[in-house]
Amino acid sequence: MLYVHIVDRSLEDRLARACSTILFRWAEAQAREVGAARGLDVQQIDTGAFEGDDRQHAWLSGAGFTKVRTWWQMSRPVRPEEASLVASAERWERKGVVFRQVRRVDGMPDEDDLRAVHEVLESAFTDHFNSAEESFEEFEHRLREDPGHRWDHWWIAEIVDGGGAPEPAGALVGTVSEGGPGPAGSYVSYLGVLESARGRGVATGLLNTIIADAAERGRDRVGLEVDADSPTGADGLYVAMGWRTKYVTQSWHKDVPVG
């Protein structure tokens, strides 16, 4: 269960601590309800903090949370001429791999495409930190609730050189990232490639696609989040393609018995 814990920094310490305590108690009650609805014995609460936020760290630790992961929040500038990185952000092909947006009919996405994205991401992240199976219905509902959600920011990579039907091999779910008075940016919410397709430039192709799409839309950046402890070395690809770390965040977890 994702949980955002924010207390106004203008409050004096005693009142801020009291607000924090009440919010944690409320979150645990919610965790028990959510866990019961899911039929779980234990419901995990997943929340976060910025690196260096000693006040938040102390509150989290005091409430029984444990720091479990560190994340690099990265950003890459986008130049207008990078709209030509790919032939078309809607569809292009390279070395037997087609990169395309999910199909849409009257503005709504094709359900088969959405299910293909879900299946690719579920398979690609099976061995990743804190991975948990999520139904298609939960996946779709959760992503549609994102304020930056746009159907035309979802892409599929398909292998087409096998002689048969196209085979989904990678997926990227992007969102719109607002950043104050300046232009909006694009954000990579999810990027997954099936193990069987790695080494074919699928991840690079999907990243070039969202960069080109951002440039075409007049945006000035593409952001993403990287697991600092991931053994895949994905950060090396991002750095090579121009991403740099802007700030660092942490994941803190607490397991709440549902009964």
Protein backbone atom coordinates (compact mmCIF):
# COMPACT_ATOMS: atom_id res chain seq x y z
CA MET A 1 0.00 0.00 0.00
CA LEU A 2 1.57 3.27 -1.11
CA TYR A 3 1.38 6.01 1.49
CA VAL A 4 2.45 9.66 1.27
CA HIS A 5 3.31 11.28 4.61
CA ILE A 6 3.72 15.07 4.53
CA VAL A 7 3.69 17.46 7.49
CA ASP A 8 3.87 21.24 7.02
CA ARG A 9 7.39 22.41 7.84
CA SER A 10 6.12 25.73 9.18
CA LEU A 11 4.55 23.98 12.21
CA GLU A 12 6.42 24.10 15.49
CA ASP A 13 8.00 20.78 16.50
CA ARG A 14 5.48 19.60 19.12
CA LEU A 15 2.48 20.14 16.83
CA ALA A 16 4.30 18.65 13.84
CA ARG A 17 5.12 15.49 15.80
CA ALA A 18 1.48 15.19 16.91
CA CYS A 19 0.28 15.48 13.31
CA SER A 20 2.83 12.88 12.23
CA THR A 21 1.71 10.44 14.91
CA ILE A 22 -1.95 10.76 13.93
CA LEU A 23 -1.14 10.26 10.26
CA PHE A 24 0.83 7.09 10.99
CA ARG A 25 -2.04 5.72 13.10
CA TRP A 26 -4.48 6.50 10.30
CA ALA A 27 -2.18 4.79 7.75
CA GLU A 28 -1.99 1.61 9.84
CA ALA A 29 -5.79 1.49 10.12
CA GLN A 30 -6.02 1.91 6.35
CA ALA A 31 -3.44 -0.85 5.87
CA ARG A 32 -5.55 -3.24 7.93
CA GLU A 33 -8.64 -2.44 5.85
CA VAL A 34 -6.78 -2.72 2.54
CA GLY A 35 -5.12 -5.95 3.63
CA ALA A 36 -8.40 -7.45 4.74
CA ALA A 37 -10.02 -6.56 1.41
CA ARG A 38 -7.12 -8.30 -0.33
CA GLY A 39 -7.35 -11.35 1.91
CA LEU A 40 -3.85 -10.84 3.32
CA ASP A 41 -2.45 -11.68 6.74
CA VAL A 42 0.06 -8.84 6.52
CA GLN A 43 -0.23 -5.58 4.56
CA GLN A 44 2.96 -3.72 3.70
CA ILE A 45 3.01 0.08 3.84
CA ASP A 46 5.44 1.62 1.36
CA THR A 47 6.35 5.26 1.93
CA GLY A 48 9.32 7.48 1.19
CA ALA A 49 11.62 10.27 2.24
CA PHE A 50 14.27 12.49 0.74
CA GLU A 51 17.87 11.68 1.48
CA GLY A 52 19.08 14.04 4.21
CA ASP A 53 15.61 14.70 5.67
CA ASP A 54 16.54 13.88 9.27
CA ARG A 55 13.14 14.89 10.65
CA GLN A 56 11.27 12.50 8.38
CA HIS A 57 13.80 9.72 8.98
CA ALA A 58 13.36 10.03 12.75
CA TRP A 59 9.57 9.94 12.49
CA LEU A 60 9.61 6.92 10.18
CA SER A 61 12.03 5.01 12.37
CA GLY A 62 10.03 5.87 15.48
CA ALA A 63 6.85 4.60 13.85
CA GLY A 64 8.43 1.22 13.09
CA PHE A 65 9.39 1.77 9.45
CA THR A 66 12.66 0.46 8.00
CA LYS A 67 14.65 2.03 5.18
CA VAL A 68 14.84 -0.60 2.43
CA ARG A 69 15.98 1.12 -0.77
CA THR A 70 17.61 4.20 -2.28
CA TRP A 71 16.51 5.75 -5.57
CA TRP A 72 18.22 8.16 -7.94
CA GLN A 73 15.81 10.69 -9.42
CA MET A 74 17.29 11.47 -12.82
CA SER A 75 16.53 13.99 -15.54
CA ARG A 76 17.70 14.50 -19.10
CA PRO A 77 17.40 17.76 -21.04
CA VAL A 78 15.58 17.59 -24.37
CA ARG A 79 16.52 19.69 -27.40
CA PRO A 80 13.99 20.57 -30.16
CA GLU A 81 16.13 18.88 -32.84
CA GLU A 82 15.83 15.55 -30.98
CA ALA A 83 12.35 15.16 -32.45
CA SER A 84 14.23 13.49 -35.33
CA LEU A 85 15.82 10.82 -33.10
CA VAL A 86 13.25 8.38 -34.50
CA ALA A 87 11.27 8.40 -37.73
CA SER A 88 8.00 8.90 -35.84
CA ALA A 89 7.18 8.60 -32.15
CA GLU A 90 3.89 6.96 -33.17
CA ARG A 91 5.62 4.11 -35.01
CA TRP A 92 9.10 3.27 -36.25
CA GLU A 93 11.17 0.18 -36.86
CA ARG A 94 14.80 -0.87 -36.39
CA LYS A 95 16.48 -4.25 -36.91
CA GLY A 96 13.33 -6.32 -36.67
CA VAL A 97 11.82 -4.40 -33.75
CA VAL A 98 8.79 -2.12 -34.12
CA PHE A 99 8.26 0.66 -31.59
CA ARG A 100 4.72 2.05 -31.51
CA GLN A 101 2.14 3.76 -29.35
CA VAL A 102 -0.69 1.62 -28.03
CA ARG A 103 -3.50 1.62 -30.56
CA ARG A 104 -6.46 3.91 -29.89
CA VAL A 105 -9.98 3.93 -31.27
CA ASP A 106 -12.01 7.12 -30.75
CA GLY A 107 -9.45 8.22 -28.17
CA MET A 108 -9.61 5.04 -26.09
CA PRO A 109 -6.81 2.47 -26.05
CA ASP A 110 -7.05 -1.03 -27.45
CA GLU A 111 -7.49 -3.43 -24.52
CA ASP A 112 -5.29 -6.09 -26.12
CA ASP A 113 -2.44 -3.56 -26.26
CA LEU A 114 -2.96 -2.58 -22.63
CA ARG A 115 -2.90 -6.21 -21.59
CA ALA A 116 0.29 -6.70 -23.59
CA VAL A 117 1.92 -3.79 -21.72
CA HIS A 118 0.80 -5.25 -18.40
CA GLU A 119 2.11 -8.71 -19.23
CA VAL A 120 5.49 -7.38 -20.38
CA LEU A 121 5.96 -5.29 -17.24
CA GLU A 122 4.82 -8.10 -14.93
CA SER A 123 7.33 -10.47 -16.55
CA ALA A 124 10.17 -7.95 -16.78
CA PHE A 125 9.98 -6.99 -13.10
CA THR A 126 9.47 -10.44 -11.60
CA ASP A 127 12.94 -10.52 -10.01
CA HIS A 128 13.15 -6.83 -9.13
CA PHE A 129 13.05 -5.34 -5.65
CA ASN A 130 9.69 -5.60 -3.88
CA SER A 131 7.97 -7.02 -6.95
CA ALA A 132 4.43 -8.25 -6.29
CA GLU A 133 1.90 -9.66 -8.71
CA GLU A 134 -0.73 -7.12 -9.74
CA SER A 135 -3.89 -7.90 -11.67
CA PHE A 136 -4.55 -6.15 -14.96
CA GLU A 137 -7.54 -4.36 -13.43
CA GLU A 138 -5.46 -3.02 -10.51
CA PHE A 139 -2.65 -2.02 -12.86
CA GLU A 140 -4.92 -0.11 -15.24
CA HIS A 141 -6.87 1.61 -12.46
CA ARG A 142 -3.72 2.67 -10.59
CA LEU A 143 -2.03 4.18 -13.65
CA ARG A 144 -5.17 5.96 -14.82
CA GLU A 145 -5.31 7.70 -11.43
CA ASP A 146 -1.90 9.34 -12.04
CA PRO A 147 -2.46 13.09 -12.64
CA GLY A 148 0.01 12.96 -15.53
CA HIS A 149 -1.62 9.97 -17.21
CA ARG A 150 -2.03 10.12 -21.00
CA TRP A 151 -2.86 7.16 -23.25
CA ASP A 152 -0.64 8.55 -26.01
CA HIS A 153 2.37 8.19 -23.67
CA TRP A 154 2.24 4.36 -23.70
CA TRP A 155 4.53 2.48 -26.12
CA ILE A 156 5.06 -1.17 -27.05
CA ALA A 157 8.14 -2.73 -28.65
CA GLU A 158 7.41 -5.79 -30.78
CA ILE A 159 9.70 -8.34 -32.41
CA VAL A 160 8.61 -8.69 -36.05
CA ASP A 161 11.43 -10.64 -37.67
CA GLY A 162 10.31 -14.12 -36.58
CA GLY A 163 8.04 -14.74 -39.52
CA GLY A 164 4.91 -14.97 -37.39
CA ALA A 165 2.70 -12.53 -35.49
CA PRO A 166 4.45 -9.59 -33.76
CA GLU A 167 5.67 -10.54 -30.29
CA PRO A 168 5.58 -7.91 -27.51
CA ALA A 169 9.10 -7.60 -26.09
CA GLY A 170 9.17 -4.29 -24.23
CA ALA A 171 6.94 -1.53 -22.94
CA LEU A 172 7.25 2.04 -21.72
CA VAL A 173 4.56 3.90 -19.78
CA GLY A 174 5.14 7.63 -19.73
CA THR A 175 3.36 10.51 -18.05
CA VAL A 176 3.32 14.30 -18.18
CA SER A 177 5.48 15.98 -15.54
CA GLU A 178 4.53 19.53 -14.61
CA GLY A 179 7.37 21.71 -13.39
CA GLY A 180 6.18 25.17 -12.45
CA PRO A 181 5.81 28.09 -14.85
CA GLY A 182 8.06 26.61 -17.56
CA PRO A 183 7.26 23.92 -20.09
CA ALA A 184 6.04 20.54 -18.94
CA GLY A 185 8.31 17.50 -19.11
CA SER A 186 7.82 13.84 -19.85
CA TYR A 187 8.43 11.13 -17.27
CA VAL A 188 9.23 7.42 -17.62
CA SER A 189 6.96 5.75 -15.09
CA TYR A 190 7.74 2.19 -16.25
CA LEU A 191 10.23 0.70 -18.69
CA GLY A 192 10.44 -3.08 -19.02
CA VAL A 193 12.07 -5.45 -21.49
CA LEU A 194 11.58 -9.21 -21.54
CA GLU A 195 14.74 -11.17 -20.78
CA SER A 196 14.39 -13.02 -24.09
CA ALA A 197 14.64 -9.72 -25.99
CA ARG A 198 17.54 -8.11 -24.15
CA GLY A 199 20.54 -7.15 -26.25
CA ARG A 200 18.38 -6.04 -29.20
CA GLY A 201 18.30 -2.35 -28.33
CA VAL A 202 14.71 -2.44 -27.10
CA ALA A 203 15.27 -0.26 -24.01
CA THR A 204 17.36 2.23 -25.99
CA GLY A 205 14.70 2.38 -28.69
CA LEU A 206 11.89 3.01 -26.23
CA LEU A 207 13.89 5.74 -24.49
CA ASN A 208 14.72 7.41 -27.80
CA THR A 209 11.01 7.29 -28.61
CA ILE A 210 9.90 9.16 -25.50
CA ILE A 211 12.74 11.68 -25.96
CA ALA A 212 11.66 12.33 -29.55
CA ASP A 213 8.02 12.56 -28.48
CA ALA A 214 8.92 15.08 -25.75
CA ALA A 215 10.87 17.20 -28.24
CA GLU A 216 7.98 17.14 -30.70
CA ARG A 217 5.64 18.33 -27.94
CA GLY A 218 7.97 21.23 -27.05
CA ARG A 219 9.06 19.78 -23.71
CA ASP A 220 12.47 20.43 -22.22
CA ARG A 221 13.21 17.27 -20.19
CA VAL A 222 12.51 13.59 -19.54
CA GLY A 223 12.70 12.30 -15.98
CA LEU A 224 12.89 8.81 -14.50
CA GLU A 225 13.70 6.93 -11.30
CA VAL A 226 16.52 4.39 -10.92
CA ASP A 227 17.01 1.78 -8.21
CA ALA A 228 20.46 2.64 -6.85
CA ASP A 229 20.90 -0.96 -5.69
CA SER A 230 19.70 -2.71 -8.84
CA PRO A 231 22.04 -5.39 -10.19
CA THR A 232 20.91 -4.80 -13.79
CA GLY A 233 23.19 -1.80 -14.36
CA ALA A 234 20.35 0.18 -15.94
CA ASP A 235 21.85 3.41 -14.60
CA GLY A 236 24.78 2.93 -16.98
CA LEU A 237 22.42 3.08 -19.97
CA TYR A 238 20.69 6.17 -18.63
CA VAL A 239 23.95 8.00 -17.95
CA ALA A 240 25.23 7.08 -21.43
CA MET A 241 22.04 8.57 -22.92
CA GLY A 242 22.37 11.84 -21.04
CA TRP A 243 20.48 11.37 -17.78
CA ARG A 244 21.93 12.85 -14.58
CA THR A 245 20.87 12.48 -10.93
CA LYS A 246 19.01 15.54 -9.59
CA TYR A 247 18.22 14.27 -6.09
CA VAL A 248 17.99 11.06 -4.08
CA THR A 249 14.98 9.49 -2.34
CA GLN A 250 14.48 6.49 -0.08
CA SER A 251 11.82 3.80 0.34
CA TRP A 252 10.69 2.93 3.89
CA HIS A 253 8.49 -0.07 4.63
CA LYS A 254 6.40 -1.36 7.51
CA ASP A 255 4.50 -4.66 7.64
CA VAL A 256 1.16 -4.34 9.44
CA PRO A 257 -0.63 -7.49 10.71
CA VAL A 258 -4.14 -7.38 9.27
CA GLY A 259 -5.82 -9.39 12.03
